[in-house]
Each structure stands twice: as C-alpha cells, then as structure tokens.
N, C-alpha and C. Protein backbone atom coordinates (compact mmCIF):
# COMPACT_ATOMS: atom_id res chain seq x y z
N MET A 1 0.84 -1.20 0.00
CA MET A 1 0.00 0.00 0.00
C MET A 1 0.88 1.25 0.00
N ASN A 2 0.45 2.25 -0.73
CA ASN A 2 1.12 3.54 -0.72
C ASN A 2 0.69 4.27 0.56
N GLU A 3 1.59 4.28 1.55
CA GLU A 3 1.24 4.82 2.86
C GLU A 3 0.96 6.32 2.80
N ALA A 4 1.71 7.04 1.95
CA ALA A 4 1.49 8.48 1.84
C ALA A 4 0.10 8.76 1.27
N ASN A 5 -0.31 7.92 0.31
CA ASN A 5 -1.63 8.07 -0.29
C ASN A 5 -2.72 7.79 0.74
N LYS A 6 -2.53 6.73 1.50
CA LYS A 6 -3.52 6.40 2.53
C LYS A 6 -3.60 7.51 3.58
N GLU A 7 -2.45 8.02 3.98
CA GLU A 7 -2.43 9.09 4.98
C GLU A 7 -3.16 10.33 4.46
N HIS A 8 -2.97 10.62 3.19
CA HIS A 8 -3.64 11.77 2.58
C HIS A 8 -5.16 11.64 2.71
N TRP A 9 -5.69 10.48 2.31
CA TRP A 9 -7.15 10.31 2.30
C TRP A 9 -7.72 10.17 3.70
N GLU A 10 -6.96 9.57 4.62
CA GLU A 10 -7.45 9.52 6.00
C GLU A 10 -7.59 10.94 6.56
N LYS A 11 -6.61 11.79 6.25
CA LYS A 11 -6.67 13.17 6.74
C LYS A 11 -7.85 13.91 6.14
N VAL A 12 -8.10 13.71 4.84
CA VAL A 12 -9.23 14.37 4.19
C VAL A 12 -10.53 14.03 4.91
N TYR A 13 -10.75 12.74 5.15
CA TYR A 13 -12.03 12.32 5.72
C TYR A 13 -12.11 12.56 7.23
N GLN A 14 -10.98 12.76 7.86
CA GLN A 14 -10.99 13.08 9.29
C GLN A 14 -11.17 14.57 9.56
N THR A 15 -10.88 15.40 8.55
CA THR A 15 -10.86 16.85 8.79
C THR A 15 -11.88 17.63 7.97
N LYS A 16 -12.46 17.02 6.93
CA LYS A 16 -13.39 17.75 6.07
C LYS A 16 -14.77 17.10 6.11
N THR A 17 -15.80 17.93 6.09
CA THR A 17 -17.16 17.43 6.01
C THR A 17 -17.51 17.18 4.55
N ALA A 18 -18.66 16.56 4.33
CA ALA A 18 -19.11 16.28 2.96
C ALA A 18 -19.26 17.57 2.14
N ASP A 19 -19.62 18.66 2.79
CA ASP A 19 -19.80 19.93 2.09
C ASP A 19 -18.47 20.62 1.78
N GLU A 20 -17.38 20.05 2.27
CA GLU A 20 -16.07 20.65 2.07
C GLU A 20 -15.20 19.89 1.08
N VAL A 21 -15.78 18.89 0.42
CA VAL A 21 -15.04 18.14 -0.61
C VAL A 21 -15.81 18.21 -1.92
N SER A 22 -15.08 18.26 -3.02
CA SER A 22 -15.70 18.58 -4.31
C SER A 22 -16.58 17.48 -4.87
N TRP A 23 -16.32 16.24 -4.48
CA TRP A 23 -16.98 15.10 -5.15
C TRP A 23 -18.36 14.77 -4.58
N THR A 24 -18.78 15.42 -3.54
CA THR A 24 -20.05 15.10 -2.89
C THR A 24 -21.23 15.23 -3.84
N GLN A 25 -22.10 14.23 -3.82
CA GLN A 25 -23.37 14.24 -4.56
C GLN A 25 -24.48 13.81 -3.61
N GLU A 26 -25.53 14.56 -3.56
CA GLU A 26 -26.65 14.15 -2.73
C GLU A 26 -27.32 12.91 -3.31
N VAL A 27 -27.47 12.90 -4.63
CA VAL A 27 -28.00 11.73 -5.34
C VAL A 27 -27.08 11.45 -6.54
N PRO A 28 -26.41 10.32 -6.57
CA PRO A 28 -25.51 9.98 -7.69
C PRO A 28 -26.31 9.47 -8.89
N GLN A 29 -27.06 10.36 -9.51
CA GLN A 29 -28.06 9.95 -10.50
C GLN A 29 -27.46 9.27 -11.71
N THR A 30 -26.35 9.80 -12.21
CA THR A 30 -25.74 9.18 -13.40
C THR A 30 -25.33 7.74 -13.12
N SER A 31 -24.71 7.50 -11.99
CA SER A 31 -24.32 6.14 -11.62
C SER A 31 -25.54 5.24 -11.51
N LEU A 32 -26.60 5.74 -10.89
CA LEU A 32 -27.82 4.96 -10.75
C LEU A 32 -28.44 4.66 -12.12
N ASP A 33 -28.40 5.65 -13.01
CA ASP A 33 -28.97 5.43 -14.35
C ASP A 33 -28.25 4.31 -15.09
N PHE A 34 -26.93 4.29 -14.99
CA PHE A 34 -26.17 3.21 -15.62
C PHE A 34 -26.54 1.86 -15.00
N ILE A 35 -26.58 1.81 -13.69
CA ILE A 35 -26.90 0.54 -13.00
C ILE A 35 -28.30 0.06 -13.39
N HIS A 36 -29.26 0.96 -13.41
CA HIS A 36 -30.63 0.58 -13.77
C HIS A 36 -30.70 0.07 -15.21
N SER A 37 -29.88 0.62 -16.08
CA SER A 37 -29.94 0.25 -17.50
C SER A 37 -29.61 -1.22 -17.75
N TYR A 38 -28.89 -1.83 -16.82
CA TYR A 38 -28.52 -3.24 -16.99
C TYR A 38 -29.66 -4.20 -16.67
N GLN A 39 -30.67 -3.70 -15.96
CA GLN A 39 -31.86 -4.47 -15.62
C GLN A 39 -31.50 -5.80 -14.94
N LEU A 40 -30.61 -5.71 -13.98
CA LEU A 40 -30.18 -6.90 -13.24
C LEU A 40 -31.07 -7.10 -12.01
N PRO A 41 -31.14 -8.32 -11.51
CA PRO A 41 -31.94 -8.56 -10.30
C PRO A 41 -31.31 -7.89 -9.08
N LYS A 42 -32.10 -7.74 -8.03
CA LYS A 42 -31.62 -7.08 -6.81
C LYS A 42 -30.54 -7.90 -6.11
N THR A 43 -30.37 -9.14 -6.53
CA THR A 43 -29.31 -9.97 -5.96
C THR A 43 -27.98 -9.78 -6.68
N ALA A 44 -27.92 -8.91 -7.68
CA ALA A 44 -26.69 -8.68 -8.42
C ALA A 44 -25.56 -8.26 -7.48
N CYS A 45 -24.37 -8.75 -7.77
CA CYS A 45 -23.20 -8.47 -6.94
C CYS A 45 -22.55 -7.17 -7.45
N ILE A 46 -22.54 -6.14 -6.61
CA ILE A 46 -22.09 -4.80 -7.00
C ILE A 46 -20.95 -4.37 -6.09
N ILE A 47 -19.90 -3.80 -6.68
CA ILE A 47 -18.83 -3.20 -5.88
C ILE A 47 -18.66 -1.74 -6.29
N ASP A 48 -18.50 -0.88 -5.28
CA ASP A 48 -18.24 0.54 -5.50
C ASP A 48 -16.79 0.80 -5.10
N ILE A 49 -15.95 1.05 -6.11
CA ILE A 49 -14.52 1.26 -5.89
C ILE A 49 -14.29 2.71 -5.48
N GLY A 50 -13.57 2.90 -4.37
CA GLY A 50 -13.36 4.25 -3.87
C GLY A 50 -14.64 4.89 -3.41
N GLY A 51 -15.55 4.08 -2.90
CA GLY A 51 -16.88 4.55 -2.52
C GLY A 51 -16.88 5.57 -1.40
N GLY A 52 -15.84 5.51 -0.55
CA GLY A 52 -15.76 6.48 0.54
C GLY A 52 -17.06 6.59 1.30
N ASP A 53 -17.53 7.82 1.49
CA ASP A 53 -18.84 7.98 2.13
C ASP A 53 -19.87 8.43 1.12
N SER A 54 -19.70 7.99 -0.15
CA SER A 54 -20.68 8.25 -1.20
C SER A 54 -22.05 7.71 -0.81
N LYS A 55 -23.09 8.38 -1.28
CA LYS A 55 -24.45 7.94 -0.97
C LYS A 55 -25.00 6.95 -2.00
N LEU A 56 -24.14 6.48 -2.90
CA LEU A 56 -24.59 5.44 -3.83
C LEU A 56 -25.08 4.22 -3.07
N VAL A 57 -24.35 3.82 -2.04
CA VAL A 57 -24.75 2.64 -1.28
C VAL A 57 -26.09 2.85 -0.60
N ASP A 58 -26.36 4.07 -0.12
CA ASP A 58 -27.65 4.37 0.50
C ASP A 58 -28.78 4.14 -0.50
N CYS A 59 -28.57 4.68 -1.70
CA CYS A 59 -29.61 4.59 -2.74
C CYS A 59 -29.85 3.13 -3.13
N LEU A 60 -28.76 2.37 -3.30
CA LEU A 60 -28.90 0.97 -3.70
C LEU A 60 -29.61 0.15 -2.63
N LEU A 61 -29.29 0.39 -1.38
CA LEU A 61 -29.98 -0.31 -0.30
C LEU A 61 -31.47 0.05 -0.29
N SER A 62 -31.77 1.32 -0.49
CA SER A 62 -33.17 1.76 -0.49
C SER A 62 -33.95 1.13 -1.63
N GLU A 63 -33.24 0.81 -2.73
CA GLU A 63 -33.90 0.18 -3.88
C GLU A 63 -33.97 -1.34 -3.74
N GLY A 64 -33.38 -1.87 -2.67
CA GLY A 64 -33.52 -3.30 -2.41
C GLY A 64 -32.37 -4.17 -2.88
N TYR A 65 -31.27 -3.56 -3.31
CA TYR A 65 -30.12 -4.37 -3.71
C TYR A 65 -29.52 -5.04 -2.47
N GLU A 66 -29.13 -6.29 -2.63
CA GLU A 66 -28.80 -7.11 -1.47
C GLU A 66 -27.34 -7.51 -1.35
N ASN A 67 -26.55 -7.23 -2.38
CA ASN A 67 -25.19 -7.78 -2.41
C ASN A 67 -24.21 -6.68 -2.81
N ILE A 68 -23.95 -5.76 -1.89
CA ILE A 68 -23.16 -4.57 -2.18
C ILE A 68 -21.85 -4.60 -1.40
N THR A 69 -20.76 -4.30 -2.10
CA THR A 69 -19.45 -4.13 -1.47
C THR A 69 -18.97 -2.71 -1.72
N VAL A 70 -18.45 -2.06 -0.68
CA VAL A 70 -17.86 -0.73 -0.81
C VAL A 70 -16.39 -0.82 -0.40
N LEU A 71 -15.52 -0.38 -1.30
CA LEU A 71 -14.08 -0.40 -1.05
C LEU A 71 -13.55 1.02 -1.02
N ASP A 72 -12.71 1.31 -0.03
CA ASP A 72 -12.04 2.60 0.00
C ASP A 72 -10.72 2.46 0.77
N ILE A 73 -9.75 3.27 0.39
CA ILE A 73 -8.45 3.25 1.07
C ILE A 73 -8.55 3.84 2.47
N SER A 74 -9.57 4.66 2.70
CA SER A 74 -9.71 5.37 3.97
C SER A 74 -10.69 4.69 4.91
N ALA A 75 -10.18 4.27 6.06
CA ALA A 75 -11.06 3.70 7.08
C ALA A 75 -12.01 4.76 7.62
N ALA A 76 -11.54 6.00 7.69
CA ALA A 76 -12.38 7.09 8.19
C ALA A 76 -13.58 7.32 7.28
N ALA A 77 -13.36 7.21 5.97
CA ALA A 77 -14.46 7.38 5.01
C ALA A 77 -15.51 6.30 5.21
N ILE A 78 -15.07 5.08 5.34
CA ILE A 78 -16.00 3.97 5.52
C ILE A 78 -16.72 4.08 6.86
N ASP A 79 -16.01 4.51 7.90
CA ASP A 79 -16.65 4.69 9.19
C ASP A 79 -17.76 5.74 9.11
N ARG A 80 -17.53 6.80 8.33
CA ARG A 80 -18.57 7.82 8.17
C ARG A 80 -19.79 7.25 7.48
N ALA A 81 -19.55 6.43 6.45
CA ALA A 81 -20.68 5.82 5.75
C ALA A 81 -21.44 4.87 6.67
N LYS A 82 -20.73 4.09 7.45
CA LYS A 82 -21.37 3.15 8.38
C LYS A 82 -22.22 3.90 9.41
N THR A 83 -21.68 4.98 9.92
CA THR A 83 -22.41 5.78 10.91
C THR A 83 -23.68 6.34 10.31
N ARG A 84 -23.58 6.84 9.09
CA ARG A 84 -24.75 7.42 8.42
C ARG A 84 -25.82 6.37 8.18
N LEU A 85 -25.41 5.17 7.79
CA LEU A 85 -26.37 4.12 7.46
C LEU A 85 -26.95 3.45 8.70
N GLY A 86 -26.24 3.52 9.80
CA GLY A 86 -26.73 2.89 11.02
C GLY A 86 -26.86 1.37 10.86
N GLU A 87 -28.01 0.84 11.26
CA GLU A 87 -28.21 -0.61 11.22
C GLU A 87 -28.10 -1.16 9.80
N ARG A 88 -28.42 -0.35 8.81
CA ARG A 88 -28.36 -0.82 7.42
C ARG A 88 -26.93 -1.15 6.98
N SER A 89 -25.94 -0.60 7.68
CA SER A 89 -24.55 -0.85 7.29
C SER A 89 -24.18 -2.33 7.38
N ALA A 90 -24.91 -3.08 8.20
CA ALA A 90 -24.64 -4.51 8.35
C ALA A 90 -24.96 -5.28 7.09
N LYS A 91 -25.74 -4.69 6.19
CA LYS A 91 -26.10 -5.35 4.94
C LYS A 91 -25.02 -5.20 3.87
N VAL A 92 -23.98 -4.43 4.16
CA VAL A 92 -22.94 -4.11 3.19
C VAL A 92 -21.63 -4.78 3.57
N THR A 93 -20.87 -5.22 2.56
CA THR A 93 -19.51 -5.70 2.79
C THR A 93 -18.56 -4.51 2.63
N TRP A 94 -17.83 -4.20 3.68
CA TRP A 94 -16.94 -3.04 3.69
C TRP A 94 -15.49 -3.51 3.57
N VAL A 95 -14.73 -2.90 2.69
CA VAL A 95 -13.34 -3.28 2.47
C VAL A 95 -12.46 -2.04 2.56
N VAL A 96 -11.55 -2.01 3.53
CA VAL A 96 -10.57 -0.94 3.61
C VAL A 96 -9.30 -1.43 2.90
N SER A 97 -9.04 -0.86 1.72
CA SER A 97 -7.90 -1.30 0.93
C SER A 97 -7.57 -0.29 -0.16
N ASP A 98 -6.31 -0.17 -0.47
CA ASP A 98 -5.89 0.48 -1.71
C ASP A 98 -6.36 -0.42 -2.84
N ILE A 99 -6.97 0.14 -3.87
CA ILE A 99 -7.45 -0.69 -4.97
C ILE A 99 -6.31 -1.48 -5.60
N LEU A 100 -5.09 -0.95 -5.54
CA LEU A 100 -3.95 -1.64 -6.15
C LEU A 100 -3.52 -2.86 -5.34
N ASP A 101 -3.98 -2.95 -4.10
CA ASP A 101 -3.66 -4.11 -3.26
C ASP A 101 -4.84 -5.07 -3.12
N TYR A 102 -5.96 -4.72 -3.68
CA TYR A 102 -7.19 -5.48 -3.48
C TYR A 102 -7.12 -6.83 -4.19
N LYS A 103 -7.49 -7.88 -3.45
CA LYS A 103 -7.55 -9.24 -3.99
C LYS A 103 -8.99 -9.73 -3.88
N PRO A 104 -9.79 -9.55 -4.92
CA PRO A 104 -11.21 -9.94 -4.85
C PRO A 104 -11.36 -11.43 -4.59
N THR A 105 -12.36 -11.76 -3.79
CA THR A 105 -12.63 -13.16 -3.48
C THR A 105 -13.90 -13.65 -4.16
N LYS A 106 -14.51 -12.77 -4.98
CA LYS A 106 -15.70 -13.16 -5.73
C LYS A 106 -15.77 -12.33 -7.00
N HIS A 107 -16.71 -12.71 -7.88
CA HIS A 107 -16.91 -11.97 -9.12
C HIS A 107 -18.08 -10.99 -8.97
N PHE A 108 -18.01 -9.94 -9.77
CA PHE A 108 -19.01 -8.88 -9.65
C PHE A 108 -19.78 -8.70 -10.94
N ASP A 109 -21.10 -8.53 -10.78
CA ASP A 109 -21.95 -8.21 -11.93
C ASP A 109 -21.77 -6.76 -12.36
N ILE A 110 -21.47 -5.89 -11.38
CA ILE A 110 -21.24 -4.48 -11.66
C ILE A 110 -20.04 -3.99 -10.85
N TRP A 111 -19.09 -3.43 -11.54
CA TRP A 111 -17.93 -2.76 -10.93
C TRP A 111 -18.12 -1.27 -11.19
N HIS A 112 -18.32 -0.49 -10.14
CA HIS A 112 -18.57 0.94 -10.28
C HIS A 112 -17.39 1.73 -9.69
N ASP A 113 -16.92 2.70 -10.44
CA ASP A 113 -15.78 3.52 -10.01
C ASP A 113 -16.01 4.94 -10.48
N ARG A 114 -16.38 5.80 -9.57
CA ARG A 114 -16.48 7.23 -9.89
C ARG A 114 -15.32 7.94 -9.21
N ALA A 115 -14.32 8.30 -10.03
CA ALA A 115 -13.22 9.17 -9.59
C ALA A 115 -12.13 8.50 -8.75
N THR A 116 -11.94 7.19 -8.93
CA THR A 116 -10.73 6.56 -8.40
C THR A 116 -9.71 6.34 -9.51
N PHE A 117 -10.19 5.85 -10.65
CA PHE A 117 -9.29 5.47 -11.74
C PHE A 117 -8.41 6.63 -12.19
N HIS A 118 -8.96 7.85 -12.19
CA HIS A 118 -8.15 8.96 -12.72
C HIS A 118 -7.03 9.39 -11.78
N PHE A 119 -6.99 8.88 -10.55
CA PHE A 119 -5.85 9.15 -9.67
C PHE A 119 -4.64 8.27 -9.99
N LEU A 120 -4.83 7.28 -10.84
CA LEU A 120 -3.74 6.39 -11.21
C LEU A 120 -3.00 7.01 -12.40
N THR A 121 -1.93 7.70 -12.11
CA THR A 121 -1.25 8.49 -13.12
C THR A 121 -0.02 7.79 -13.72
N GLN A 122 0.33 6.64 -13.16
CA GLN A 122 1.49 5.90 -13.66
C GLN A 122 1.03 4.63 -14.36
N SER A 123 1.74 4.24 -15.42
CA SER A 123 1.31 3.11 -16.24
C SER A 123 1.25 1.82 -15.45
N ASP A 124 2.16 1.62 -14.51
CA ASP A 124 2.14 0.38 -13.72
C ASP A 124 0.92 0.33 -12.81
N GLN A 125 0.49 1.49 -12.31
CA GLN A 125 -0.71 1.55 -11.49
C GLN A 125 -1.94 1.18 -12.31
N VAL A 126 -2.02 1.75 -13.51
CA VAL A 126 -3.15 1.44 -14.39
C VAL A 126 -3.18 -0.04 -14.72
N SER A 127 -2.02 -0.62 -15.00
CA SER A 127 -1.94 -2.04 -15.35
C SER A 127 -2.41 -2.92 -14.20
N ARG A 128 -2.04 -2.57 -12.98
CA ARG A 128 -2.46 -3.36 -11.82
C ARG A 128 -3.96 -3.26 -11.61
N TYR A 129 -4.50 -2.06 -11.78
CA TYR A 129 -5.95 -1.87 -11.65
C TYR A 129 -6.68 -2.71 -12.69
N LEU A 130 -6.24 -2.63 -13.93
CA LEU A 130 -6.91 -3.35 -15.01
C LEU A 130 -6.86 -4.86 -14.78
N ALA A 131 -5.71 -5.36 -14.30
CA ALA A 131 -5.57 -6.79 -14.06
C ALA A 131 -6.56 -7.26 -13.00
N THR A 132 -6.72 -6.46 -11.93
CA THR A 132 -7.66 -6.81 -10.87
C THR A 132 -9.09 -6.77 -11.37
N ALA A 133 -9.42 -5.70 -12.09
CA ALA A 133 -10.79 -5.54 -12.58
C ALA A 133 -11.18 -6.67 -13.53
N LYS A 134 -10.28 -7.01 -14.42
CA LYS A 134 -10.60 -8.03 -15.43
C LYS A 134 -10.79 -9.42 -14.80
N LYS A 135 -10.13 -9.65 -13.68
CA LYS A 135 -10.33 -10.91 -12.96
C LYS A 135 -11.66 -10.92 -12.23
N ALA A 136 -12.07 -9.75 -11.76
CA ALA A 136 -13.23 -9.69 -10.86
C ALA A 136 -14.55 -9.47 -11.58
N VAL A 137 -14.51 -8.81 -12.74
CA VAL A 137 -15.76 -8.42 -13.40
C VAL A 137 -16.28 -9.53 -14.31
N LYS A 138 -17.52 -9.93 -14.07
CA LYS A 138 -18.14 -10.92 -14.95
C LYS A 138 -19.28 -10.30 -15.76
N GLY A 139 -19.60 -9.05 -15.44
CA GLY A 139 -20.72 -8.39 -16.11
C GLY A 139 -20.35 -7.05 -16.68
N HIS A 140 -20.57 -5.99 -15.90
CA HIS A 140 -20.45 -4.62 -16.40
C HIS A 140 -19.49 -3.80 -15.54
N MET A 141 -18.90 -2.79 -16.17
CA MET A 141 -18.08 -1.81 -15.47
C MET A 141 -18.61 -0.41 -15.77
N ILE A 142 -18.61 0.44 -14.76
CA ILE A 142 -18.93 1.86 -14.93
C ILE A 142 -17.73 2.63 -14.42
N ILE A 143 -17.10 3.39 -15.29
CA ILE A 143 -15.91 4.16 -14.91
C ILE A 143 -16.21 5.65 -15.13
N GLY A 144 -16.06 6.43 -14.07
CA GLY A 144 -16.22 7.87 -14.15
C GLY A 144 -14.90 8.56 -13.86
N THR A 145 -14.41 9.37 -14.79
CA THR A 145 -13.15 10.09 -14.64
C THR A 145 -13.33 11.55 -15.04
N PHE A 146 -12.35 12.37 -14.73
CA PHE A 146 -12.35 13.71 -15.28
C PHE A 146 -12.07 13.62 -16.77
N SER A 147 -12.83 14.37 -17.55
CA SER A 147 -12.63 14.41 -19.00
C SER A 147 -11.46 15.33 -19.33
N ASP A 148 -11.18 15.45 -20.62
CA ASP A 148 -10.11 16.35 -21.04
C ASP A 148 -10.52 17.82 -20.91
N HIS A 149 -11.77 18.05 -20.51
CA HIS A 149 -12.22 19.42 -20.21
C HIS A 149 -12.41 19.61 -18.70
N GLY A 150 -12.00 18.63 -17.94
CA GLY A 150 -12.16 18.69 -16.49
C GLY A 150 -10.91 19.18 -15.79
N PRO A 151 -10.90 19.12 -14.45
CA PRO A 151 -9.74 19.56 -13.68
C PRO A 151 -8.51 18.68 -13.95
N THR A 152 -7.35 19.21 -13.61
CA THR A 152 -6.11 18.44 -13.69
C THR A 152 -5.65 17.96 -12.32
N LYS A 153 -6.34 18.44 -11.28
CA LYS A 153 -6.03 18.02 -9.92
C LYS A 153 -7.33 17.85 -9.14
N CYS A 154 -7.25 17.04 -8.09
CA CYS A 154 -8.39 16.86 -7.18
C CYS A 154 -7.83 16.60 -5.79
N SER A 155 -8.34 17.30 -4.81
CA SER A 155 -7.87 17.14 -3.43
C SER A 155 -6.36 17.34 -3.32
N GLY A 156 -5.83 18.22 -4.18
CA GLY A 156 -4.41 18.50 -4.13
C GLY A 156 -3.53 17.50 -4.85
N LEU A 157 -4.13 16.47 -5.43
CA LEU A 157 -3.38 15.42 -6.13
C LEU A 157 -3.57 15.54 -7.64
N SER A 158 -2.53 15.22 -8.39
CA SER A 158 -2.65 15.20 -9.84
C SER A 158 -3.51 14.03 -10.28
N ILE A 159 -4.22 14.22 -11.37
CA ILE A 159 -5.04 13.15 -11.94
C ILE A 159 -4.70 12.99 -13.42
N LYS A 160 -5.26 11.96 -14.03
CA LYS A 160 -5.08 11.74 -15.46
C LYS A 160 -6.43 11.95 -16.14
N GLN A 161 -6.50 12.91 -17.03
CA GLN A 161 -7.73 13.15 -17.78
C GLN A 161 -7.90 12.10 -18.87
N TYR A 162 -9.16 11.88 -19.25
CA TYR A 162 -9.45 10.91 -20.31
C TYR A 162 -10.44 11.47 -21.32
N THR A 163 -10.26 11.03 -22.55
CA THR A 163 -11.28 11.19 -23.58
C THR A 163 -11.99 9.85 -23.72
N GLU A 164 -13.09 9.85 -24.43
CA GLU A 164 -13.80 8.59 -24.67
C GLU A 164 -12.87 7.57 -25.33
N GLU A 165 -12.08 8.03 -26.29
CA GLU A 165 -11.20 7.12 -27.03
C GLU A 165 -10.09 6.57 -26.13
N SER A 166 -9.49 7.42 -25.31
CA SER A 166 -8.38 6.94 -24.49
C SER A 166 -8.86 6.03 -23.36
N LEU A 167 -10.06 6.31 -22.83
CA LEU A 167 -10.59 5.43 -21.79
C LEU A 167 -10.98 4.08 -22.38
N GLU A 168 -11.61 4.09 -23.54
CA GLU A 168 -11.97 2.85 -24.21
C GLU A 168 -10.73 2.00 -24.48
N ALA A 169 -9.64 2.64 -24.87
CA ALA A 169 -8.41 1.92 -25.18
C ALA A 169 -7.85 1.19 -23.96
N GLN A 170 -8.01 1.79 -22.79
CA GLN A 170 -7.50 1.15 -21.57
C GLN A 170 -8.22 -0.16 -21.27
N PHE A 171 -9.49 -0.25 -21.62
CA PHE A 171 -10.29 -1.41 -21.25
C PHE A 171 -10.61 -2.32 -22.44
N SER A 172 -9.91 -2.12 -23.53
CA SER A 172 -10.26 -2.81 -24.78
C SER A 172 -9.97 -4.31 -24.75
N ASP A 173 -9.12 -4.75 -23.85
CA ASP A 173 -8.77 -6.17 -23.77
C ASP A 173 -9.79 -6.92 -22.91
N GLY A 174 -10.82 -7.44 -23.54
CA GLY A 174 -11.80 -8.25 -22.83
C GLY A 174 -13.05 -7.51 -22.39
N LEU A 175 -13.07 -6.19 -22.58
CA LEU A 175 -14.23 -5.40 -22.19
C LEU A 175 -14.66 -4.51 -23.36
N LYS A 176 -15.94 -4.50 -23.65
CA LYS A 176 -16.45 -3.73 -24.78
C LYS A 176 -17.21 -2.51 -24.28
N LYS A 177 -16.86 -1.35 -24.80
CA LYS A 177 -17.58 -0.12 -24.44
C LYS A 177 -19.01 -0.21 -24.95
N THR A 178 -19.96 0.14 -24.07
CA THR A 178 -21.36 0.12 -24.47
C THR A 178 -21.98 1.51 -24.50
N LYS A 179 -21.43 2.44 -23.69
CA LYS A 179 -22.00 3.79 -23.68
C LYS A 179 -21.03 4.73 -22.98
N CYS A 180 -20.92 5.96 -23.48
CA CYS A 180 -20.15 7.01 -22.82
C CYS A 180 -20.95 8.31 -22.83
N ILE A 181 -20.86 9.05 -21.75
CA ILE A 181 -21.46 10.38 -21.68
C ILE A 181 -20.51 11.31 -20.94
N THR A 182 -20.65 12.61 -21.17
CA THR A 182 -19.96 13.59 -20.35
C THR A 182 -21.01 14.42 -19.62
N GLU A 183 -20.63 14.92 -18.46
CA GLU A 183 -21.55 15.77 -17.71
C GLU A 183 -20.77 16.68 -16.78
N ASP A 184 -21.36 17.80 -16.45
CA ASP A 184 -20.78 18.70 -15.48
C ASP A 184 -21.30 18.37 -14.09
N HIS A 185 -20.37 18.10 -13.20
CA HIS A 185 -20.72 17.89 -11.80
C HIS A 185 -20.61 19.23 -11.08
N THR A 186 -21.66 19.62 -10.39
CA THR A 186 -21.64 20.85 -9.60
C THR A 186 -21.21 20.52 -8.19
N THR A 187 -20.11 21.11 -7.76
CA THR A 187 -19.55 20.83 -6.43
C THR A 187 -20.34 21.56 -5.36
N PRO A 188 -20.13 21.21 -4.09
CA PRO A 188 -20.79 21.94 -3.01
C PRO A 188 -20.41 23.42 -2.97
N PHE A 189 -19.31 23.79 -3.64
CA PHE A 189 -18.90 25.21 -3.66
C PHE A 189 -19.42 25.91 -4.91
N ASN A 190 -20.31 25.22 -5.65
CA ASN A 190 -20.94 25.78 -6.85
C ASN A 190 -19.94 26.03 -7.98
N THR A 191 -18.92 25.19 -8.07
CA THR A 191 -18.04 25.16 -9.23
C THR A 191 -18.41 23.93 -10.06
N HIS A 192 -17.84 23.82 -11.26
CA HIS A 192 -18.22 22.73 -12.15
C HIS A 192 -17.01 21.91 -12.57
N GLN A 193 -17.19 20.60 -12.61
CA GLN A 193 -16.15 19.67 -13.03
C GLN A 193 -16.72 18.79 -14.14
N ASN A 194 -16.04 18.74 -15.27
CA ASN A 194 -16.53 17.93 -16.38
C ASN A 194 -16.05 16.49 -16.24
N PHE A 195 -17.00 15.58 -16.17
CA PHE A 195 -16.74 14.14 -16.02
C PHE A 195 -17.03 13.39 -17.31
N LEU A 196 -16.31 12.32 -17.50
CA LEU A 196 -16.61 11.34 -18.54
C LEU A 196 -17.01 10.05 -17.85
N PHE A 197 -18.18 9.53 -18.19
CA PHE A 197 -18.64 8.23 -17.68
C PHE A 197 -18.73 7.25 -18.85
N CYS A 198 -18.10 6.10 -18.71
CA CYS A 198 -18.21 5.06 -19.72
C CYS A 198 -18.60 3.74 -19.08
N SER A 199 -19.42 3.02 -19.81
CA SER A 199 -19.86 1.68 -19.40
C SER A 199 -19.22 0.65 -20.32
N PHE A 200 -18.81 -0.45 -19.71
CA PHE A 200 -18.18 -1.55 -20.46
C PHE A 200 -18.85 -2.87 -20.08
N LYS A 201 -18.81 -3.81 -20.99
CA LYS A 201 -19.37 -5.14 -20.73
C LYS A 201 -18.31 -6.19 -20.99
N ARG A 202 -18.27 -7.18 -20.11
CA ARG A 202 -17.29 -8.26 -20.24
C ARG A 202 -17.58 -9.07 -21.51
N GLU A 203 -16.54 -9.28 -22.30
CA GLU A 203 -16.68 -10.04 -23.55
C GLU A 203 -16.09 -11.43 -23.44
N SER A 204 -14.99 -11.55 -22.71
CA SER A 204 -14.31 -12.86 -22.65
C SER A 204 -13.74 -13.10 -21.29
C-alpha cells in the first residue's frame, strides 16, 4: 500500500465534512442510471470502488439491492458511511484497501468507479488496476473520470484526464464499451467539473 496516499485520504475524511469536498453528490443519479440500464436482479453483486462515504450505497440499499461491497483506502471514510447508514450498514460488505492491493474473493456483476481510476497516473498503477478488474468483473463496469475538459487536480493530487477514445483503449482487452457520456458535476462550492462516464461489458 502507498502509505502516503492512505495518509492523505485519511486526513481528508478526518478533517473535512461532505460539504467541504468537491466530489459530494446528494444523489448519484448518473451512476444509478447506468446501474438501472442493466436491468439486473436485486441480488446482483455490486462493488463501489473508492466509494468512501458516497451515498450510492444508500440509494442501492433503499432500492432493495442485497449484495453490495464498498471499497475505500480510507477507514475514516468507511466509518462515516457506516455511521450514516446505522443498522443498514450490516447489509454491506466493507473493504478498507488500496485498490492496487485489493484481492477480490468473488466476481461482480457491476464494478462501479467514480473518480478513483483517474488518480492512477502511472502506467504500472493502471496495469495493476486493469488486471484486478478483469479478474473480478463478470458483467459490467462503470468508470467515471475527469474528462479532457475537467480539472487536472483533485484534493491537491494530480489526476489523469481521459477522452472517450483513451478510456476505451485502456479497457479494450476483454471489455467492450457500451456507452459514454460527459456531464458537469456541480460541487458543493458551486463550481463545475466535467466528467466522462463510460460503461463496459465483459466479452471474454
């Protein structure tokens, strides 16, 4: 694990409220729209990569999904999500791990990642992520990154911007792009960040 990276994110979630970080969404509608489009049963196995204290898990639980895993490098982020969910948190599998160290023990119908992948700025990091994802995904992937019209940094860290073509190229080995959209995310500070969301389906 990259200890400096973990320390950075633990500090963020220990010192900042949801209204003080740019990625906060009251309702992650785009992510939900992609998930709904697959028309999978409520027993579908879903993982949220870098889920932190995102409210995606809240929405999925409210809709009756039964098999949700949330992974984040920050224990503080996951603790915040657990506290918010209360008794419902027991229905979720929580994993504190750097995605680059994650060793999945099951396959997933949906792998969701909003704004983790673009923090991987080195080719070896990307390769490790892709190797893990391709082993774990048996159905669909949803990847949300900053577009080439989006920010170049987030939370003080450099990120890698993507176009539809460059993101598709990263996942072209065994995963087929099914849909891409761009959208402006409005932050709690009323600024705008342009995101690219792409969906992929396992081919082989």
